[in-house]
N, C-alpha and C. Protein backbone atom coordinates (compact mmCIF):
# COMPACT_ATOMS: atom_id res chain seq x y z
N MET A 1 1.37 5.07 -18.87
CA MET A 1 0.52 4.75 -17.72
C MET A 1 -0.06 3.35 -17.93
N SER A 2 -0.09 2.58 -16.87
CA SER A 2 -0.58 1.21 -16.97
C SER A 2 -2.09 1.17 -17.20
N HIS A 3 -2.53 0.06 -17.75
CA HIS A 3 -3.96 -0.13 -17.98
C HIS A 3 -4.73 -0.07 -16.66
N THR A 4 -4.16 -0.63 -15.61
CA THR A 4 -4.81 -0.62 -14.29
C THR A 4 -5.03 0.80 -13.81
N LEU A 5 -4.00 1.64 -13.92
CA LEU A 5 -4.14 3.02 -13.46
C LEU A 5 -5.15 3.79 -14.30
N MET A 6 -5.14 3.57 -15.60
CA MET A 6 -6.12 4.25 -16.45
C MET A 6 -7.54 3.81 -16.10
N SER A 7 -7.72 2.52 -15.84
CA SER A 7 -9.05 2.02 -15.45
C SER A 7 -9.49 2.59 -14.11
N LEU A 8 -8.57 2.64 -13.16
CA LEU A 8 -8.91 3.20 -11.84
C LEU A 8 -9.27 4.68 -11.95
N ASP A 9 -8.53 5.43 -12.75
CA ASP A 9 -8.84 6.85 -12.93
C ASP A 9 -10.19 7.06 -13.60
N ALA A 10 -10.49 6.25 -14.62
CA ALA A 10 -11.79 6.36 -15.29
C ALA A 10 -12.92 6.01 -14.33
N GLU A 11 -12.72 4.95 -13.56
CA GLU A 11 -13.74 4.56 -12.58
C GLU A 11 -13.94 5.67 -11.55
N TRP A 12 -12.84 6.27 -11.09
CA TRP A 12 -12.94 7.32 -10.08
C TRP A 12 -13.71 8.53 -10.60
N ARG A 13 -13.47 8.91 -11.85
CA ARG A 13 -14.20 10.05 -12.43
C ARG A 13 -15.70 9.80 -12.39
N ARG A 14 -16.11 8.56 -12.64
CA ARG A 14 -17.55 8.23 -12.58
C ARG A 14 -18.06 8.21 -11.13
N LEU A 15 -17.28 7.58 -10.25
CA LEU A 15 -17.71 7.40 -8.86
C LEU A 15 -17.78 8.70 -8.07
N ALA A 16 -16.77 9.52 -8.21
CA ALA A 16 -16.58 10.66 -7.32
C ALA A 16 -17.74 11.65 -7.31
N ARG A 17 -18.39 11.80 -8.43
CA ARG A 17 -19.46 12.79 -8.51
C ARG A 17 -20.85 12.16 -8.59
N ALA A 18 -20.92 10.86 -8.44
CA ALA A 18 -22.20 10.17 -8.52
C ALA A 18 -23.06 10.51 -7.30
N SER A 19 -24.36 10.48 -7.49
CA SER A 19 -25.27 10.79 -6.39
C SER A 19 -25.11 9.78 -5.25
N ARG A 20 -24.82 8.53 -5.59
CA ARG A 20 -24.58 7.51 -4.57
C ARG A 20 -23.41 7.91 -3.68
N ALA A 21 -22.37 8.46 -4.28
CA ALA A 21 -21.18 8.88 -3.52
C ALA A 21 -21.51 10.07 -2.61
N ARG A 22 -22.32 11.00 -3.10
CA ARG A 22 -22.69 12.15 -2.26
C ARG A 22 -23.55 11.71 -1.08
N ARG A 23 -24.46 10.75 -1.32
CA ARG A 23 -25.27 10.21 -0.22
C ARG A 23 -24.39 9.51 0.81
N ALA A 24 -23.46 8.72 0.33
CA ALA A 24 -22.54 8.01 1.25
C ALA A 24 -21.72 9.01 2.06
N LEU A 25 -21.23 10.05 1.42
CA LEU A 25 -20.44 11.06 2.11
C LEU A 25 -21.25 11.75 3.21
N ARG A 26 -22.51 12.06 2.91
CA ARG A 26 -23.39 12.65 3.95
C ARG A 26 -23.57 11.68 5.11
N GLN A 27 -23.77 10.41 4.81
CA GLN A 27 -23.95 9.39 5.84
C GLN A 27 -22.68 9.25 6.68
N TRP A 28 -21.53 9.19 6.04
CA TRP A 28 -20.26 9.05 6.75
C TRP A 28 -20.02 10.24 7.68
N SER A 29 -20.39 11.42 7.23
CA SER A 29 -20.09 12.63 8.00
C SER A 29 -20.89 12.72 9.29
N ILE A 30 -21.95 11.95 9.42
CA ILE A 30 -22.72 11.92 10.66
C ILE A 30 -21.85 11.37 11.79
N ALA A 31 -21.15 10.28 11.52
CA ALA A 31 -20.31 9.65 12.55
C ALA A 31 -18.87 10.16 12.57
N HIS A 32 -18.44 10.80 11.47
CA HIS A 32 -17.04 11.22 11.35
C HIS A 32 -16.96 12.69 10.95
N PRO A 33 -16.82 13.58 11.92
CA PRO A 33 -16.80 15.02 11.63
C PRO A 33 -15.71 15.45 10.64
N ALA A 34 -14.64 14.72 10.54
CA ALA A 34 -13.55 15.08 9.61
C ALA A 34 -14.03 15.03 8.15
N LEU A 35 -15.12 14.34 7.90
CA LEU A 35 -15.61 14.18 6.53
C LEU A 35 -16.71 15.19 6.19
N ARG A 36 -17.00 16.10 7.10
CA ARG A 36 -18.07 17.10 6.88
C ARG A 36 -17.59 18.28 6.05
N GLY A 37 -18.56 18.92 5.41
CA GLY A 37 -18.30 20.19 4.75
C GLY A 37 -17.75 20.11 3.34
N VAL A 38 -17.88 18.97 2.67
CA VAL A 38 -17.45 18.87 1.28
C VAL A 38 -18.61 18.35 0.44
N ALA A 39 -18.63 18.75 -0.82
CA ALA A 39 -19.75 18.40 -1.69
C ALA A 39 -19.63 17.01 -2.29
N ASP A 40 -18.41 16.58 -2.58
CA ASP A 40 -18.24 15.28 -3.22
C ASP A 40 -16.88 14.68 -2.84
N LEU A 41 -16.62 13.48 -3.34
CA LEU A 41 -15.40 12.77 -2.97
C LEU A 41 -14.14 13.44 -3.53
N ASP A 42 -14.24 14.07 -4.70
CA ASP A 42 -13.09 14.81 -5.22
C ASP A 42 -12.72 15.95 -4.28
N ALA A 43 -13.72 16.64 -3.78
CA ALA A 43 -13.47 17.73 -2.83
C ALA A 43 -12.87 17.19 -1.53
N LEU A 44 -13.31 16.01 -1.12
CA LEU A 44 -12.75 15.39 0.08
C LEU A 44 -11.27 15.08 -0.11
N LEU A 45 -10.93 14.52 -1.26
CA LEU A 45 -9.51 14.23 -1.53
C LEU A 45 -8.69 15.51 -1.67
N GLU A 46 -9.32 16.54 -2.19
CA GLU A 46 -8.62 17.83 -2.27
C GLU A 46 -8.35 18.38 -0.87
N ARG A 47 -9.32 18.25 0.02
CA ARG A 47 -9.13 18.71 1.40
C ARG A 47 -8.06 17.88 2.11
N ARG A 48 -7.91 16.64 1.70
CA ARG A 48 -6.91 15.77 2.28
C ARG A 48 -5.49 16.28 2.04
N ARG A 49 -5.30 17.14 1.10
CA ARG A 49 -3.97 17.70 0.83
C ARG A 49 -3.53 18.67 1.93
N ASP A 50 -4.46 19.10 2.76
CA ASP A 50 -4.14 19.95 3.91
C ASP A 50 -3.51 19.06 4.98
N ASP A 51 -2.29 19.36 5.36
CA ASP A 51 -1.56 18.52 6.32
C ASP A 51 -2.29 18.38 7.66
N GLN A 52 -3.05 19.38 8.05
CA GLN A 52 -3.79 19.32 9.30
C GLN A 52 -5.01 18.41 9.21
N ALA A 53 -5.67 18.40 8.05
CA ALA A 53 -6.91 17.63 7.89
C ALA A 53 -6.66 16.18 7.46
N ALA A 54 -5.57 15.93 6.76
CA ALA A 54 -5.32 14.62 6.15
C ALA A 54 -5.40 13.44 7.12
N PRO A 55 -4.73 13.49 8.27
CA PRO A 55 -4.77 12.31 9.14
C PRO A 55 -6.18 11.92 9.58
N ALA A 56 -6.98 12.90 9.94
CA ALA A 56 -8.34 12.59 10.40
C ALA A 56 -9.21 12.07 9.26
N ILE A 57 -9.03 12.61 8.07
CA ILE A 57 -9.82 12.15 6.91
C ILE A 57 -9.50 10.71 6.59
N LEU A 58 -8.21 10.41 6.47
CA LEU A 58 -7.84 9.03 6.14
C LEU A 58 -8.19 8.06 7.26
N ARG A 59 -8.05 8.49 8.49
CA ARG A 59 -8.41 7.63 9.62
C ARG A 59 -9.90 7.30 9.57
N ALA A 60 -10.76 8.30 9.33
CA ALA A 60 -12.20 8.06 9.26
C ALA A 60 -12.54 7.11 8.11
N LEU A 61 -11.93 7.32 6.95
CA LEU A 61 -12.18 6.45 5.81
C LEU A 61 -11.68 5.03 6.08
N ALA A 62 -10.53 4.91 6.74
CA ALA A 62 -9.97 3.59 7.05
C ALA A 62 -10.86 2.82 8.03
N VAL A 63 -11.49 3.54 8.95
CA VAL A 63 -12.42 2.89 9.88
C VAL A 63 -13.64 2.36 9.12
N LEU A 64 -14.09 3.10 8.11
CA LEU A 64 -15.25 2.69 7.32
C LEU A 64 -14.92 1.61 6.28
N ALA A 65 -13.68 1.59 5.81
CA ALA A 65 -13.29 0.77 4.66
C ALA A 65 -13.56 -0.72 4.77
N PRO A 66 -13.36 -1.36 5.92
CA PRO A 66 -13.62 -2.81 5.94
C PRO A 66 -15.06 -3.19 5.57
N GLY A 67 -16.01 -2.33 5.85
CA GLY A 67 -17.41 -2.65 5.56
C GLY A 67 -18.03 -1.82 4.46
N ASP A 68 -17.26 -0.95 3.81
CA ASP A 68 -17.83 -0.04 2.82
C ASP A 68 -16.90 0.05 1.61
N ASP A 69 -17.36 -0.49 0.48
CA ASP A 69 -16.55 -0.49 -0.74
C ASP A 69 -16.15 0.91 -1.18
N LEU A 70 -17.08 1.84 -1.09
CA LEU A 70 -16.80 3.19 -1.56
C LEU A 70 -15.77 3.89 -0.67
N ALA A 71 -15.84 3.69 0.62
CA ALA A 71 -14.82 4.27 1.52
C ALA A 71 -13.46 3.65 1.22
N ALA A 72 -13.43 2.34 1.00
CA ALA A 72 -12.17 1.68 0.67
C ALA A 72 -11.63 2.20 -0.66
N ARG A 73 -12.50 2.38 -1.63
CA ARG A 73 -12.06 2.89 -2.94
C ARG A 73 -11.55 4.32 -2.82
N THR A 74 -12.11 5.10 -1.92
CA THR A 74 -11.66 6.46 -1.70
C THR A 74 -10.26 6.46 -1.09
N VAL A 75 -10.01 5.57 -0.14
CA VAL A 75 -8.67 5.46 0.44
C VAL A 75 -7.69 5.04 -0.65
N LEU A 76 -8.07 4.07 -1.46
CA LEU A 76 -7.18 3.63 -2.54
C LEU A 76 -6.85 4.79 -3.48
N GLN A 77 -7.85 5.58 -3.84
CA GLN A 77 -7.61 6.71 -4.73
C GLN A 77 -6.66 7.71 -4.08
N ALA A 78 -6.81 7.92 -2.79
CA ALA A 78 -5.92 8.85 -2.09
C ALA A 78 -4.48 8.34 -2.07
N LEU A 79 -4.31 7.01 -2.05
CA LEU A 79 -2.97 6.42 -1.95
C LEU A 79 -2.34 6.11 -3.31
N LEU A 80 -3.06 6.27 -4.40
CA LEU A 80 -2.51 5.92 -5.71
C LEU A 80 -1.18 6.62 -6.02
N PRO A 81 -1.05 7.92 -5.77
CA PRO A 81 0.26 8.54 -6.06
C PRO A 81 1.40 7.89 -5.27
N GLY A 82 1.16 7.54 -4.03
CA GLY A 82 2.18 6.86 -3.24
C GLY A 82 2.48 5.47 -3.76
N LEU A 83 1.45 4.77 -4.23
CA LEU A 83 1.66 3.43 -4.80
C LEU A 83 2.46 3.49 -6.09
N VAL A 84 2.19 4.50 -6.91
CA VAL A 84 2.95 4.67 -8.16
C VAL A 84 4.41 4.94 -7.84
N ARG A 85 4.65 5.79 -6.88
CA ARG A 85 6.03 6.09 -6.49
C ARG A 85 6.71 4.84 -5.91
N LEU A 86 6.00 4.12 -5.07
CA LEU A 86 6.55 2.90 -4.48
C LEU A 86 6.87 1.87 -5.56
N ALA A 87 6.00 1.72 -6.54
CA ALA A 87 6.24 0.77 -7.63
C ALA A 87 7.49 1.18 -8.41
N GLY A 88 7.69 2.47 -8.60
CA GLY A 88 8.88 2.95 -9.30
C GLY A 88 10.15 2.73 -8.52
N MET A 89 10.07 2.77 -7.21
CA MET A 89 11.26 2.60 -6.37
C MET A 89 11.56 1.12 -6.10
N VAL A 90 10.57 0.37 -5.69
CA VAL A 90 10.78 -1.00 -5.24
C VAL A 90 10.59 -2.00 -6.39
N GLY A 91 9.68 -1.72 -7.28
CA GLY A 91 9.40 -2.65 -8.37
C GLY A 91 9.83 -2.13 -9.72
N TYR A 92 10.88 -1.34 -9.76
CA TYR A 92 11.31 -0.69 -11.00
C TYR A 92 11.60 -1.69 -12.12
N ASP A 93 11.96 -2.92 -11.78
CA ASP A 93 12.29 -3.92 -12.79
C ASP A 93 11.15 -4.91 -13.03
N ASP A 94 10.00 -4.65 -12.46
CA ASP A 94 8.86 -5.56 -12.56
C ASP A 94 7.72 -4.85 -13.30
N PRO A 95 7.42 -5.28 -14.52
CA PRO A 95 6.35 -4.61 -15.27
C PRO A 95 4.96 -4.72 -14.62
N ALA A 96 4.79 -5.70 -13.75
CA ALA A 96 3.49 -5.88 -13.08
C ALA A 96 3.47 -5.30 -11.68
N ALA A 97 4.48 -4.52 -11.32
CA ALA A 97 4.59 -4.02 -9.94
C ALA A 97 3.38 -3.20 -9.52
N ILE A 98 2.94 -2.27 -10.35
CA ILE A 98 1.83 -1.40 -9.92
C ILE A 98 0.56 -2.21 -9.74
N GLU A 99 0.32 -3.19 -10.61
CA GLU A 99 -0.88 -4.02 -10.47
C GLU A 99 -0.82 -4.81 -9.16
N GLU A 100 0.34 -5.38 -8.86
CA GLU A 100 0.48 -6.14 -7.62
C GLU A 100 0.31 -5.24 -6.40
N MET A 101 0.89 -4.04 -6.47
CA MET A 101 0.80 -3.13 -5.33
C MET A 101 -0.61 -2.62 -5.12
N VAL A 102 -1.33 -2.36 -6.19
CA VAL A 102 -2.73 -1.94 -6.05
C VAL A 102 -3.54 -3.06 -5.40
N SER A 103 -3.29 -4.28 -5.83
CA SER A 103 -3.99 -5.43 -5.25
C SER A 103 -3.67 -5.58 -3.77
N LEU A 104 -2.39 -5.49 -3.42
CA LEU A 104 -1.99 -5.59 -2.02
C LEU A 104 -2.57 -4.45 -1.19
N ALA A 105 -2.59 -3.25 -1.77
CA ALA A 105 -3.15 -2.09 -1.06
C ALA A 105 -4.64 -2.29 -0.81
N TRP A 106 -5.36 -2.78 -1.82
CA TRP A 106 -6.80 -3.00 -1.65
C TRP A 106 -7.05 -3.99 -0.51
N GLU A 107 -6.30 -5.07 -0.51
CA GLU A 107 -6.45 -6.06 0.55
C GLU A 107 -6.16 -5.44 1.92
N ARG A 108 -5.11 -4.65 2.01
CA ARG A 108 -4.74 -4.04 3.29
C ARG A 108 -5.77 -3.01 3.73
N ILE A 109 -6.26 -2.22 2.81
CA ILE A 109 -7.27 -1.21 3.14
C ILE A 109 -8.53 -1.89 3.66
N ARG A 110 -8.94 -2.98 3.04
CA ARG A 110 -10.16 -3.67 3.45
C ARG A 110 -10.01 -4.39 4.79
N THR A 111 -8.77 -4.60 5.23
CA THR A 111 -8.53 -5.29 6.51
C THR A 111 -7.78 -4.40 7.50
N TYR A 112 -7.78 -3.10 7.25
CA TYR A 112 -6.99 -2.20 8.08
C TYR A 112 -7.52 -2.20 9.52
N PRO A 113 -6.64 -2.41 10.49
CA PRO A 113 -7.08 -2.42 11.90
C PRO A 113 -7.38 -0.99 12.39
N ALA A 114 -8.60 -0.77 12.79
CA ALA A 114 -9.04 0.58 13.19
C ALA A 114 -8.22 1.15 14.34
N ARG A 115 -7.70 0.30 15.20
CA ARG A 115 -6.95 0.78 16.37
C ARG A 115 -5.47 1.00 16.11
N ARG A 116 -5.02 0.74 14.90
CA ARG A 116 -3.60 0.89 14.60
C ARG A 116 -3.20 2.35 14.67
N ARG A 117 -2.09 2.61 15.33
CA ARG A 117 -1.61 3.97 15.50
C ARG A 117 -0.81 4.42 14.28
N GLY A 118 -0.63 5.73 14.18
CA GLY A 118 0.20 6.29 13.12
C GLY A 118 -0.61 6.67 11.89
N SER A 119 0.10 7.15 10.91
CA SER A 119 -0.50 7.59 9.66
C SER A 119 -1.06 6.41 8.88
N VAL A 120 -2.31 6.51 8.48
CA VAL A 120 -2.95 5.46 7.69
C VAL A 120 -2.19 5.28 6.37
N ALA A 121 -1.89 6.38 5.70
CA ALA A 121 -1.20 6.30 4.41
C ALA A 121 0.16 5.63 4.57
N ALA A 122 0.92 6.07 5.54
CA ALA A 122 2.26 5.50 5.74
C ALA A 122 2.17 4.04 6.12
N ASN A 123 1.23 3.68 6.98
CA ASN A 123 1.08 2.29 7.40
C ASN A 123 0.70 1.38 6.23
N VAL A 124 -0.26 1.81 5.42
CA VAL A 124 -0.69 0.99 4.29
C VAL A 124 0.46 0.84 3.29
N LEU A 125 1.13 1.94 2.96
CA LEU A 125 2.24 1.86 2.01
C LEU A 125 3.38 1.00 2.55
N PHE A 126 3.65 1.09 3.83
CA PHE A 126 4.68 0.26 4.44
C PHE A 126 4.30 -1.22 4.34
N ASP A 127 3.05 -1.53 4.67
CA ASP A 127 2.59 -2.92 4.61
C ASP A 127 2.64 -3.46 3.17
N VAL A 128 2.26 -2.63 2.22
CA VAL A 128 2.30 -3.03 0.81
C VAL A 128 3.75 -3.30 0.40
N ARG A 129 4.64 -2.42 0.76
CA ARG A 129 6.06 -2.59 0.42
C ARG A 129 6.60 -3.89 1.01
N LYS A 130 6.28 -4.13 2.26
CA LYS A 130 6.77 -5.32 2.95
C LYS A 130 6.23 -6.60 2.27
N ARG A 131 4.95 -6.62 1.98
CA ARG A 131 4.34 -7.80 1.35
C ARG A 131 4.84 -7.99 -0.07
N TYR A 132 5.01 -6.90 -0.80
CA TYR A 132 5.50 -6.98 -2.18
C TYR A 132 6.92 -7.55 -2.20
N ARG A 133 7.77 -7.04 -1.32
CA ARG A 133 9.15 -7.52 -1.29
C ARG A 133 9.21 -8.99 -0.87
N ALA A 134 8.38 -9.41 0.07
CA ALA A 134 8.34 -10.82 0.47
C ALA A 134 7.88 -11.68 -0.71
N HIS A 135 6.91 -11.19 -1.44
CA HIS A 135 6.41 -11.90 -2.62
C HIS A 135 7.50 -12.02 -3.68
N ARG A 136 8.23 -10.94 -3.90
CA ARG A 136 9.31 -10.96 -4.90
C ARG A 136 10.42 -11.91 -4.50
N LEU A 137 10.73 -12.02 -3.22
CA LEU A 137 11.76 -12.95 -2.78
C LEU A 137 11.34 -14.40 -2.99
N ALA A 138 10.05 -14.65 -2.85
CA ALA A 138 9.56 -16.02 -2.96
C ALA A 138 9.21 -16.42 -4.39
N ALA A 139 9.01 -15.45 -5.27
CA ALA A 139 8.56 -15.75 -6.63
C ALA A 139 9.73 -16.16 -7.53
N PRO A 140 9.49 -17.12 -8.41
CA PRO A 140 10.54 -17.49 -9.35
C PRO A 140 10.77 -16.38 -10.38
N ASP A 141 11.99 -16.30 -10.90
CA ASP A 141 12.28 -15.32 -11.94
C ASP A 141 11.80 -15.85 -13.28
N ASP A 142 12.10 -15.13 -14.36
CA ASP A 142 11.62 -15.52 -15.68
C ASP A 142 12.24 -16.82 -16.19
N ARG A 143 13.27 -17.31 -15.53
CA ARG A 143 13.88 -18.58 -15.92
C ARG A 143 13.43 -19.71 -15.00
N GLY A 144 12.51 -19.45 -14.09
CA GLY A 144 12.00 -20.47 -13.19
C GLY A 144 12.87 -20.71 -11.97
N ARG A 145 13.82 -19.81 -11.72
CA ARG A 145 14.70 -19.96 -10.56
C ARG A 145 14.09 -19.24 -9.37
N THR A 146 14.15 -19.88 -8.23
CA THR A 146 13.63 -19.30 -6.99
C THR A 146 14.80 -18.87 -6.13
N PRO A 147 14.79 -17.62 -5.61
CA PRO A 147 15.91 -17.18 -4.78
C PRO A 147 15.90 -17.87 -3.43
N ARG A 148 17.09 -18.16 -2.95
CA ARG A 148 17.22 -18.65 -1.57
C ARG A 148 17.08 -17.45 -0.65
N ARG A 149 16.46 -17.65 0.46
CA ARG A 149 16.33 -16.57 1.44
C ARG A 149 17.71 -16.19 1.95
N ALA A 150 17.91 -14.90 2.15
CA ALA A 150 19.17 -14.45 2.72
C ALA A 150 19.25 -14.94 4.17
N VAL A 151 20.38 -15.48 4.54
CA VAL A 151 20.58 -15.99 5.89
C VAL A 151 21.10 -14.85 6.75
N PRO A 152 20.45 -14.56 7.88
CA PRO A 152 20.94 -13.47 8.72
C PRO A 152 22.36 -13.77 9.20
N ALA A 153 23.19 -12.78 9.12
CA ALA A 153 24.59 -12.96 9.53
C ALA A 153 24.68 -13.02 11.05
N LEU A 154 25.53 -13.91 11.54
CA LEU A 154 25.77 -14.01 12.97
C LEU A 154 26.80 -12.96 13.37
N ARG A 155 26.71 -12.50 14.56
CA ARG A 155 27.69 -11.52 15.03
C ARG A 155 29.07 -12.16 15.05
N ASP A 156 30.08 -11.36 14.81
CA ASP A 156 31.46 -11.82 14.79
C ASP A 156 31.85 -12.23 16.21
N ARG A 157 32.23 -13.47 16.38
CA ARG A 157 32.55 -14.00 17.71
C ARG A 157 34.06 -14.05 17.98
N ARG A 158 34.87 -13.44 17.13
CA ARG A 158 36.32 -13.45 17.36
C ARG A 158 36.66 -12.67 18.61
N PRO A 159 37.68 -13.11 19.34
CA PRO A 159 38.10 -12.35 20.52
C PRO A 159 38.51 -10.93 20.11
N GLY A 160 38.03 -9.98 20.86
CA GLY A 160 38.38 -8.59 20.60
C GLY A 160 37.53 -7.90 19.55
N ALA A 161 36.61 -8.64 18.93
CA ALA A 161 35.76 -8.03 17.90
C ALA A 161 34.71 -7.16 18.57
N SER A 162 34.38 -6.09 17.92
CA SER A 162 33.35 -5.19 18.43
C SER A 162 32.01 -5.92 18.46
N PRO A 163 31.21 -5.78 19.54
CA PRO A 163 29.93 -6.48 19.61
C PRO A 163 28.96 -6.05 18.51
N SER A 164 29.15 -4.85 17.96
CA SER A 164 28.23 -4.41 16.92
C SER A 164 28.72 -4.80 15.53
N CYS A 165 29.89 -5.42 15.48
CA CYS A 165 30.48 -5.79 14.20
C CYS A 165 29.89 -7.12 13.74
N SER A 166 29.39 -7.16 12.54
CA SER A 166 28.91 -8.43 11.99
C SER A 166 29.32 -8.50 10.53
N PRO A 167 29.48 -9.70 10.01
CA PRO A 167 29.86 -9.83 8.61
C PRO A 167 28.78 -9.24 7.72
N ALA A 168 29.14 -8.93 6.50
CA ALA A 168 28.17 -8.39 5.54
C ALA A 168 27.07 -9.42 5.31
N PRO A 169 25.83 -8.97 5.18
CA PRO A 169 24.74 -9.92 4.95
C PRO A 169 24.91 -10.60 3.60
N ARG A 170 24.46 -11.84 3.51
CA ARG A 170 24.52 -12.57 2.25
C ARG A 170 23.38 -12.12 1.36
N LEU A 171 23.68 -11.90 0.11
CA LEU A 171 22.65 -11.54 -0.86
C LEU A 171 21.95 -12.80 -1.34
N PRO A 172 20.69 -12.67 -1.77
CA PRO A 172 19.99 -13.85 -2.27
C PRO A 172 20.72 -14.42 -3.49
N THR A 173 20.77 -15.72 -3.57
CA THR A 173 21.32 -16.39 -4.75
C THR A 173 20.20 -17.19 -5.38
N TRP A 174 20.36 -17.53 -6.62
CA TRP A 174 19.28 -18.22 -7.34
C TRP A 174 19.54 -19.70 -7.37
N THR A 175 18.51 -20.47 -7.12
CA THR A 175 18.57 -21.92 -7.16
C THR A 175 17.66 -22.41 -8.26
N PRO A 176 18.18 -23.22 -9.18
CA PRO A 176 17.28 -23.72 -10.24
C PRO A 176 16.21 -24.61 -9.65
N ARG A 177 15.03 -24.53 -10.20
CA ARG A 177 13.93 -25.37 -9.78
C ARG A 177 14.15 -26.80 -10.28
N ARG A 178 13.87 -27.74 -9.44
CA ARG A 178 14.00 -29.13 -9.86
C ARG A 178 12.81 -29.50 -10.71
N SER A 179 13.09 -30.18 -11.80
CA SER A 179 11.98 -30.64 -12.63
C SER A 179 11.57 -32.02 -12.18
N ARG A 180 10.32 -32.28 -12.30
CA ARG A 180 9.79 -33.57 -11.83
C ARG A 180 9.51 -34.48 -12.98
C-alpha cells in the first residue's frame, strides 16, 4: 500500500469519529435529507453502499464539497477504492499513479459542478482518468523523451471504400527532447 493511501486511511480514522465531524454531519443533514439518520461519517459511508441511497448521498456531499473541506474529504474517502482500481488499470506502469490520481480527484471534487448530471462517483473517476491520461501523454518518460500526440486518422477516401472504414490510428511515438 502506498504511503499516500496509508496516510489518508490514518487521517480518516481520526476524522470520521471526531466531534467536529458529527457536528458537521448534523449541520449538513438540515439542508440535505439524504445525510440524515447516521451517527458519524463512517456510518454515512457504510450507508452509501446501498445502491438506492448512494447517488443522493454523494450528490449532497458533492454540492457541499466546493466550500467544505470535510465534505470534500468524505467524497474522496468514498472514491478511494475506485481510484485504487483506476490506478491499477490505467497507471499500472507508473509508481506515482495513485498519488497523481488522488490529487486530480481532490481538485475535481473541490470544483465539481453541482448541476452536472449522472453519478458523482462515475463522473469524478471519468474526469480523473481523462486528466491522468492527458498528463501521461504530455509528460516525458524516464529518458526525457516526450511522446508525439497521436494524429487522428482521416477516413479512407478511396473510391468504393466504406464510409465507416478508416486506417488504424497511429500510436504515440517518442521524440527526444532537444538540449539547449
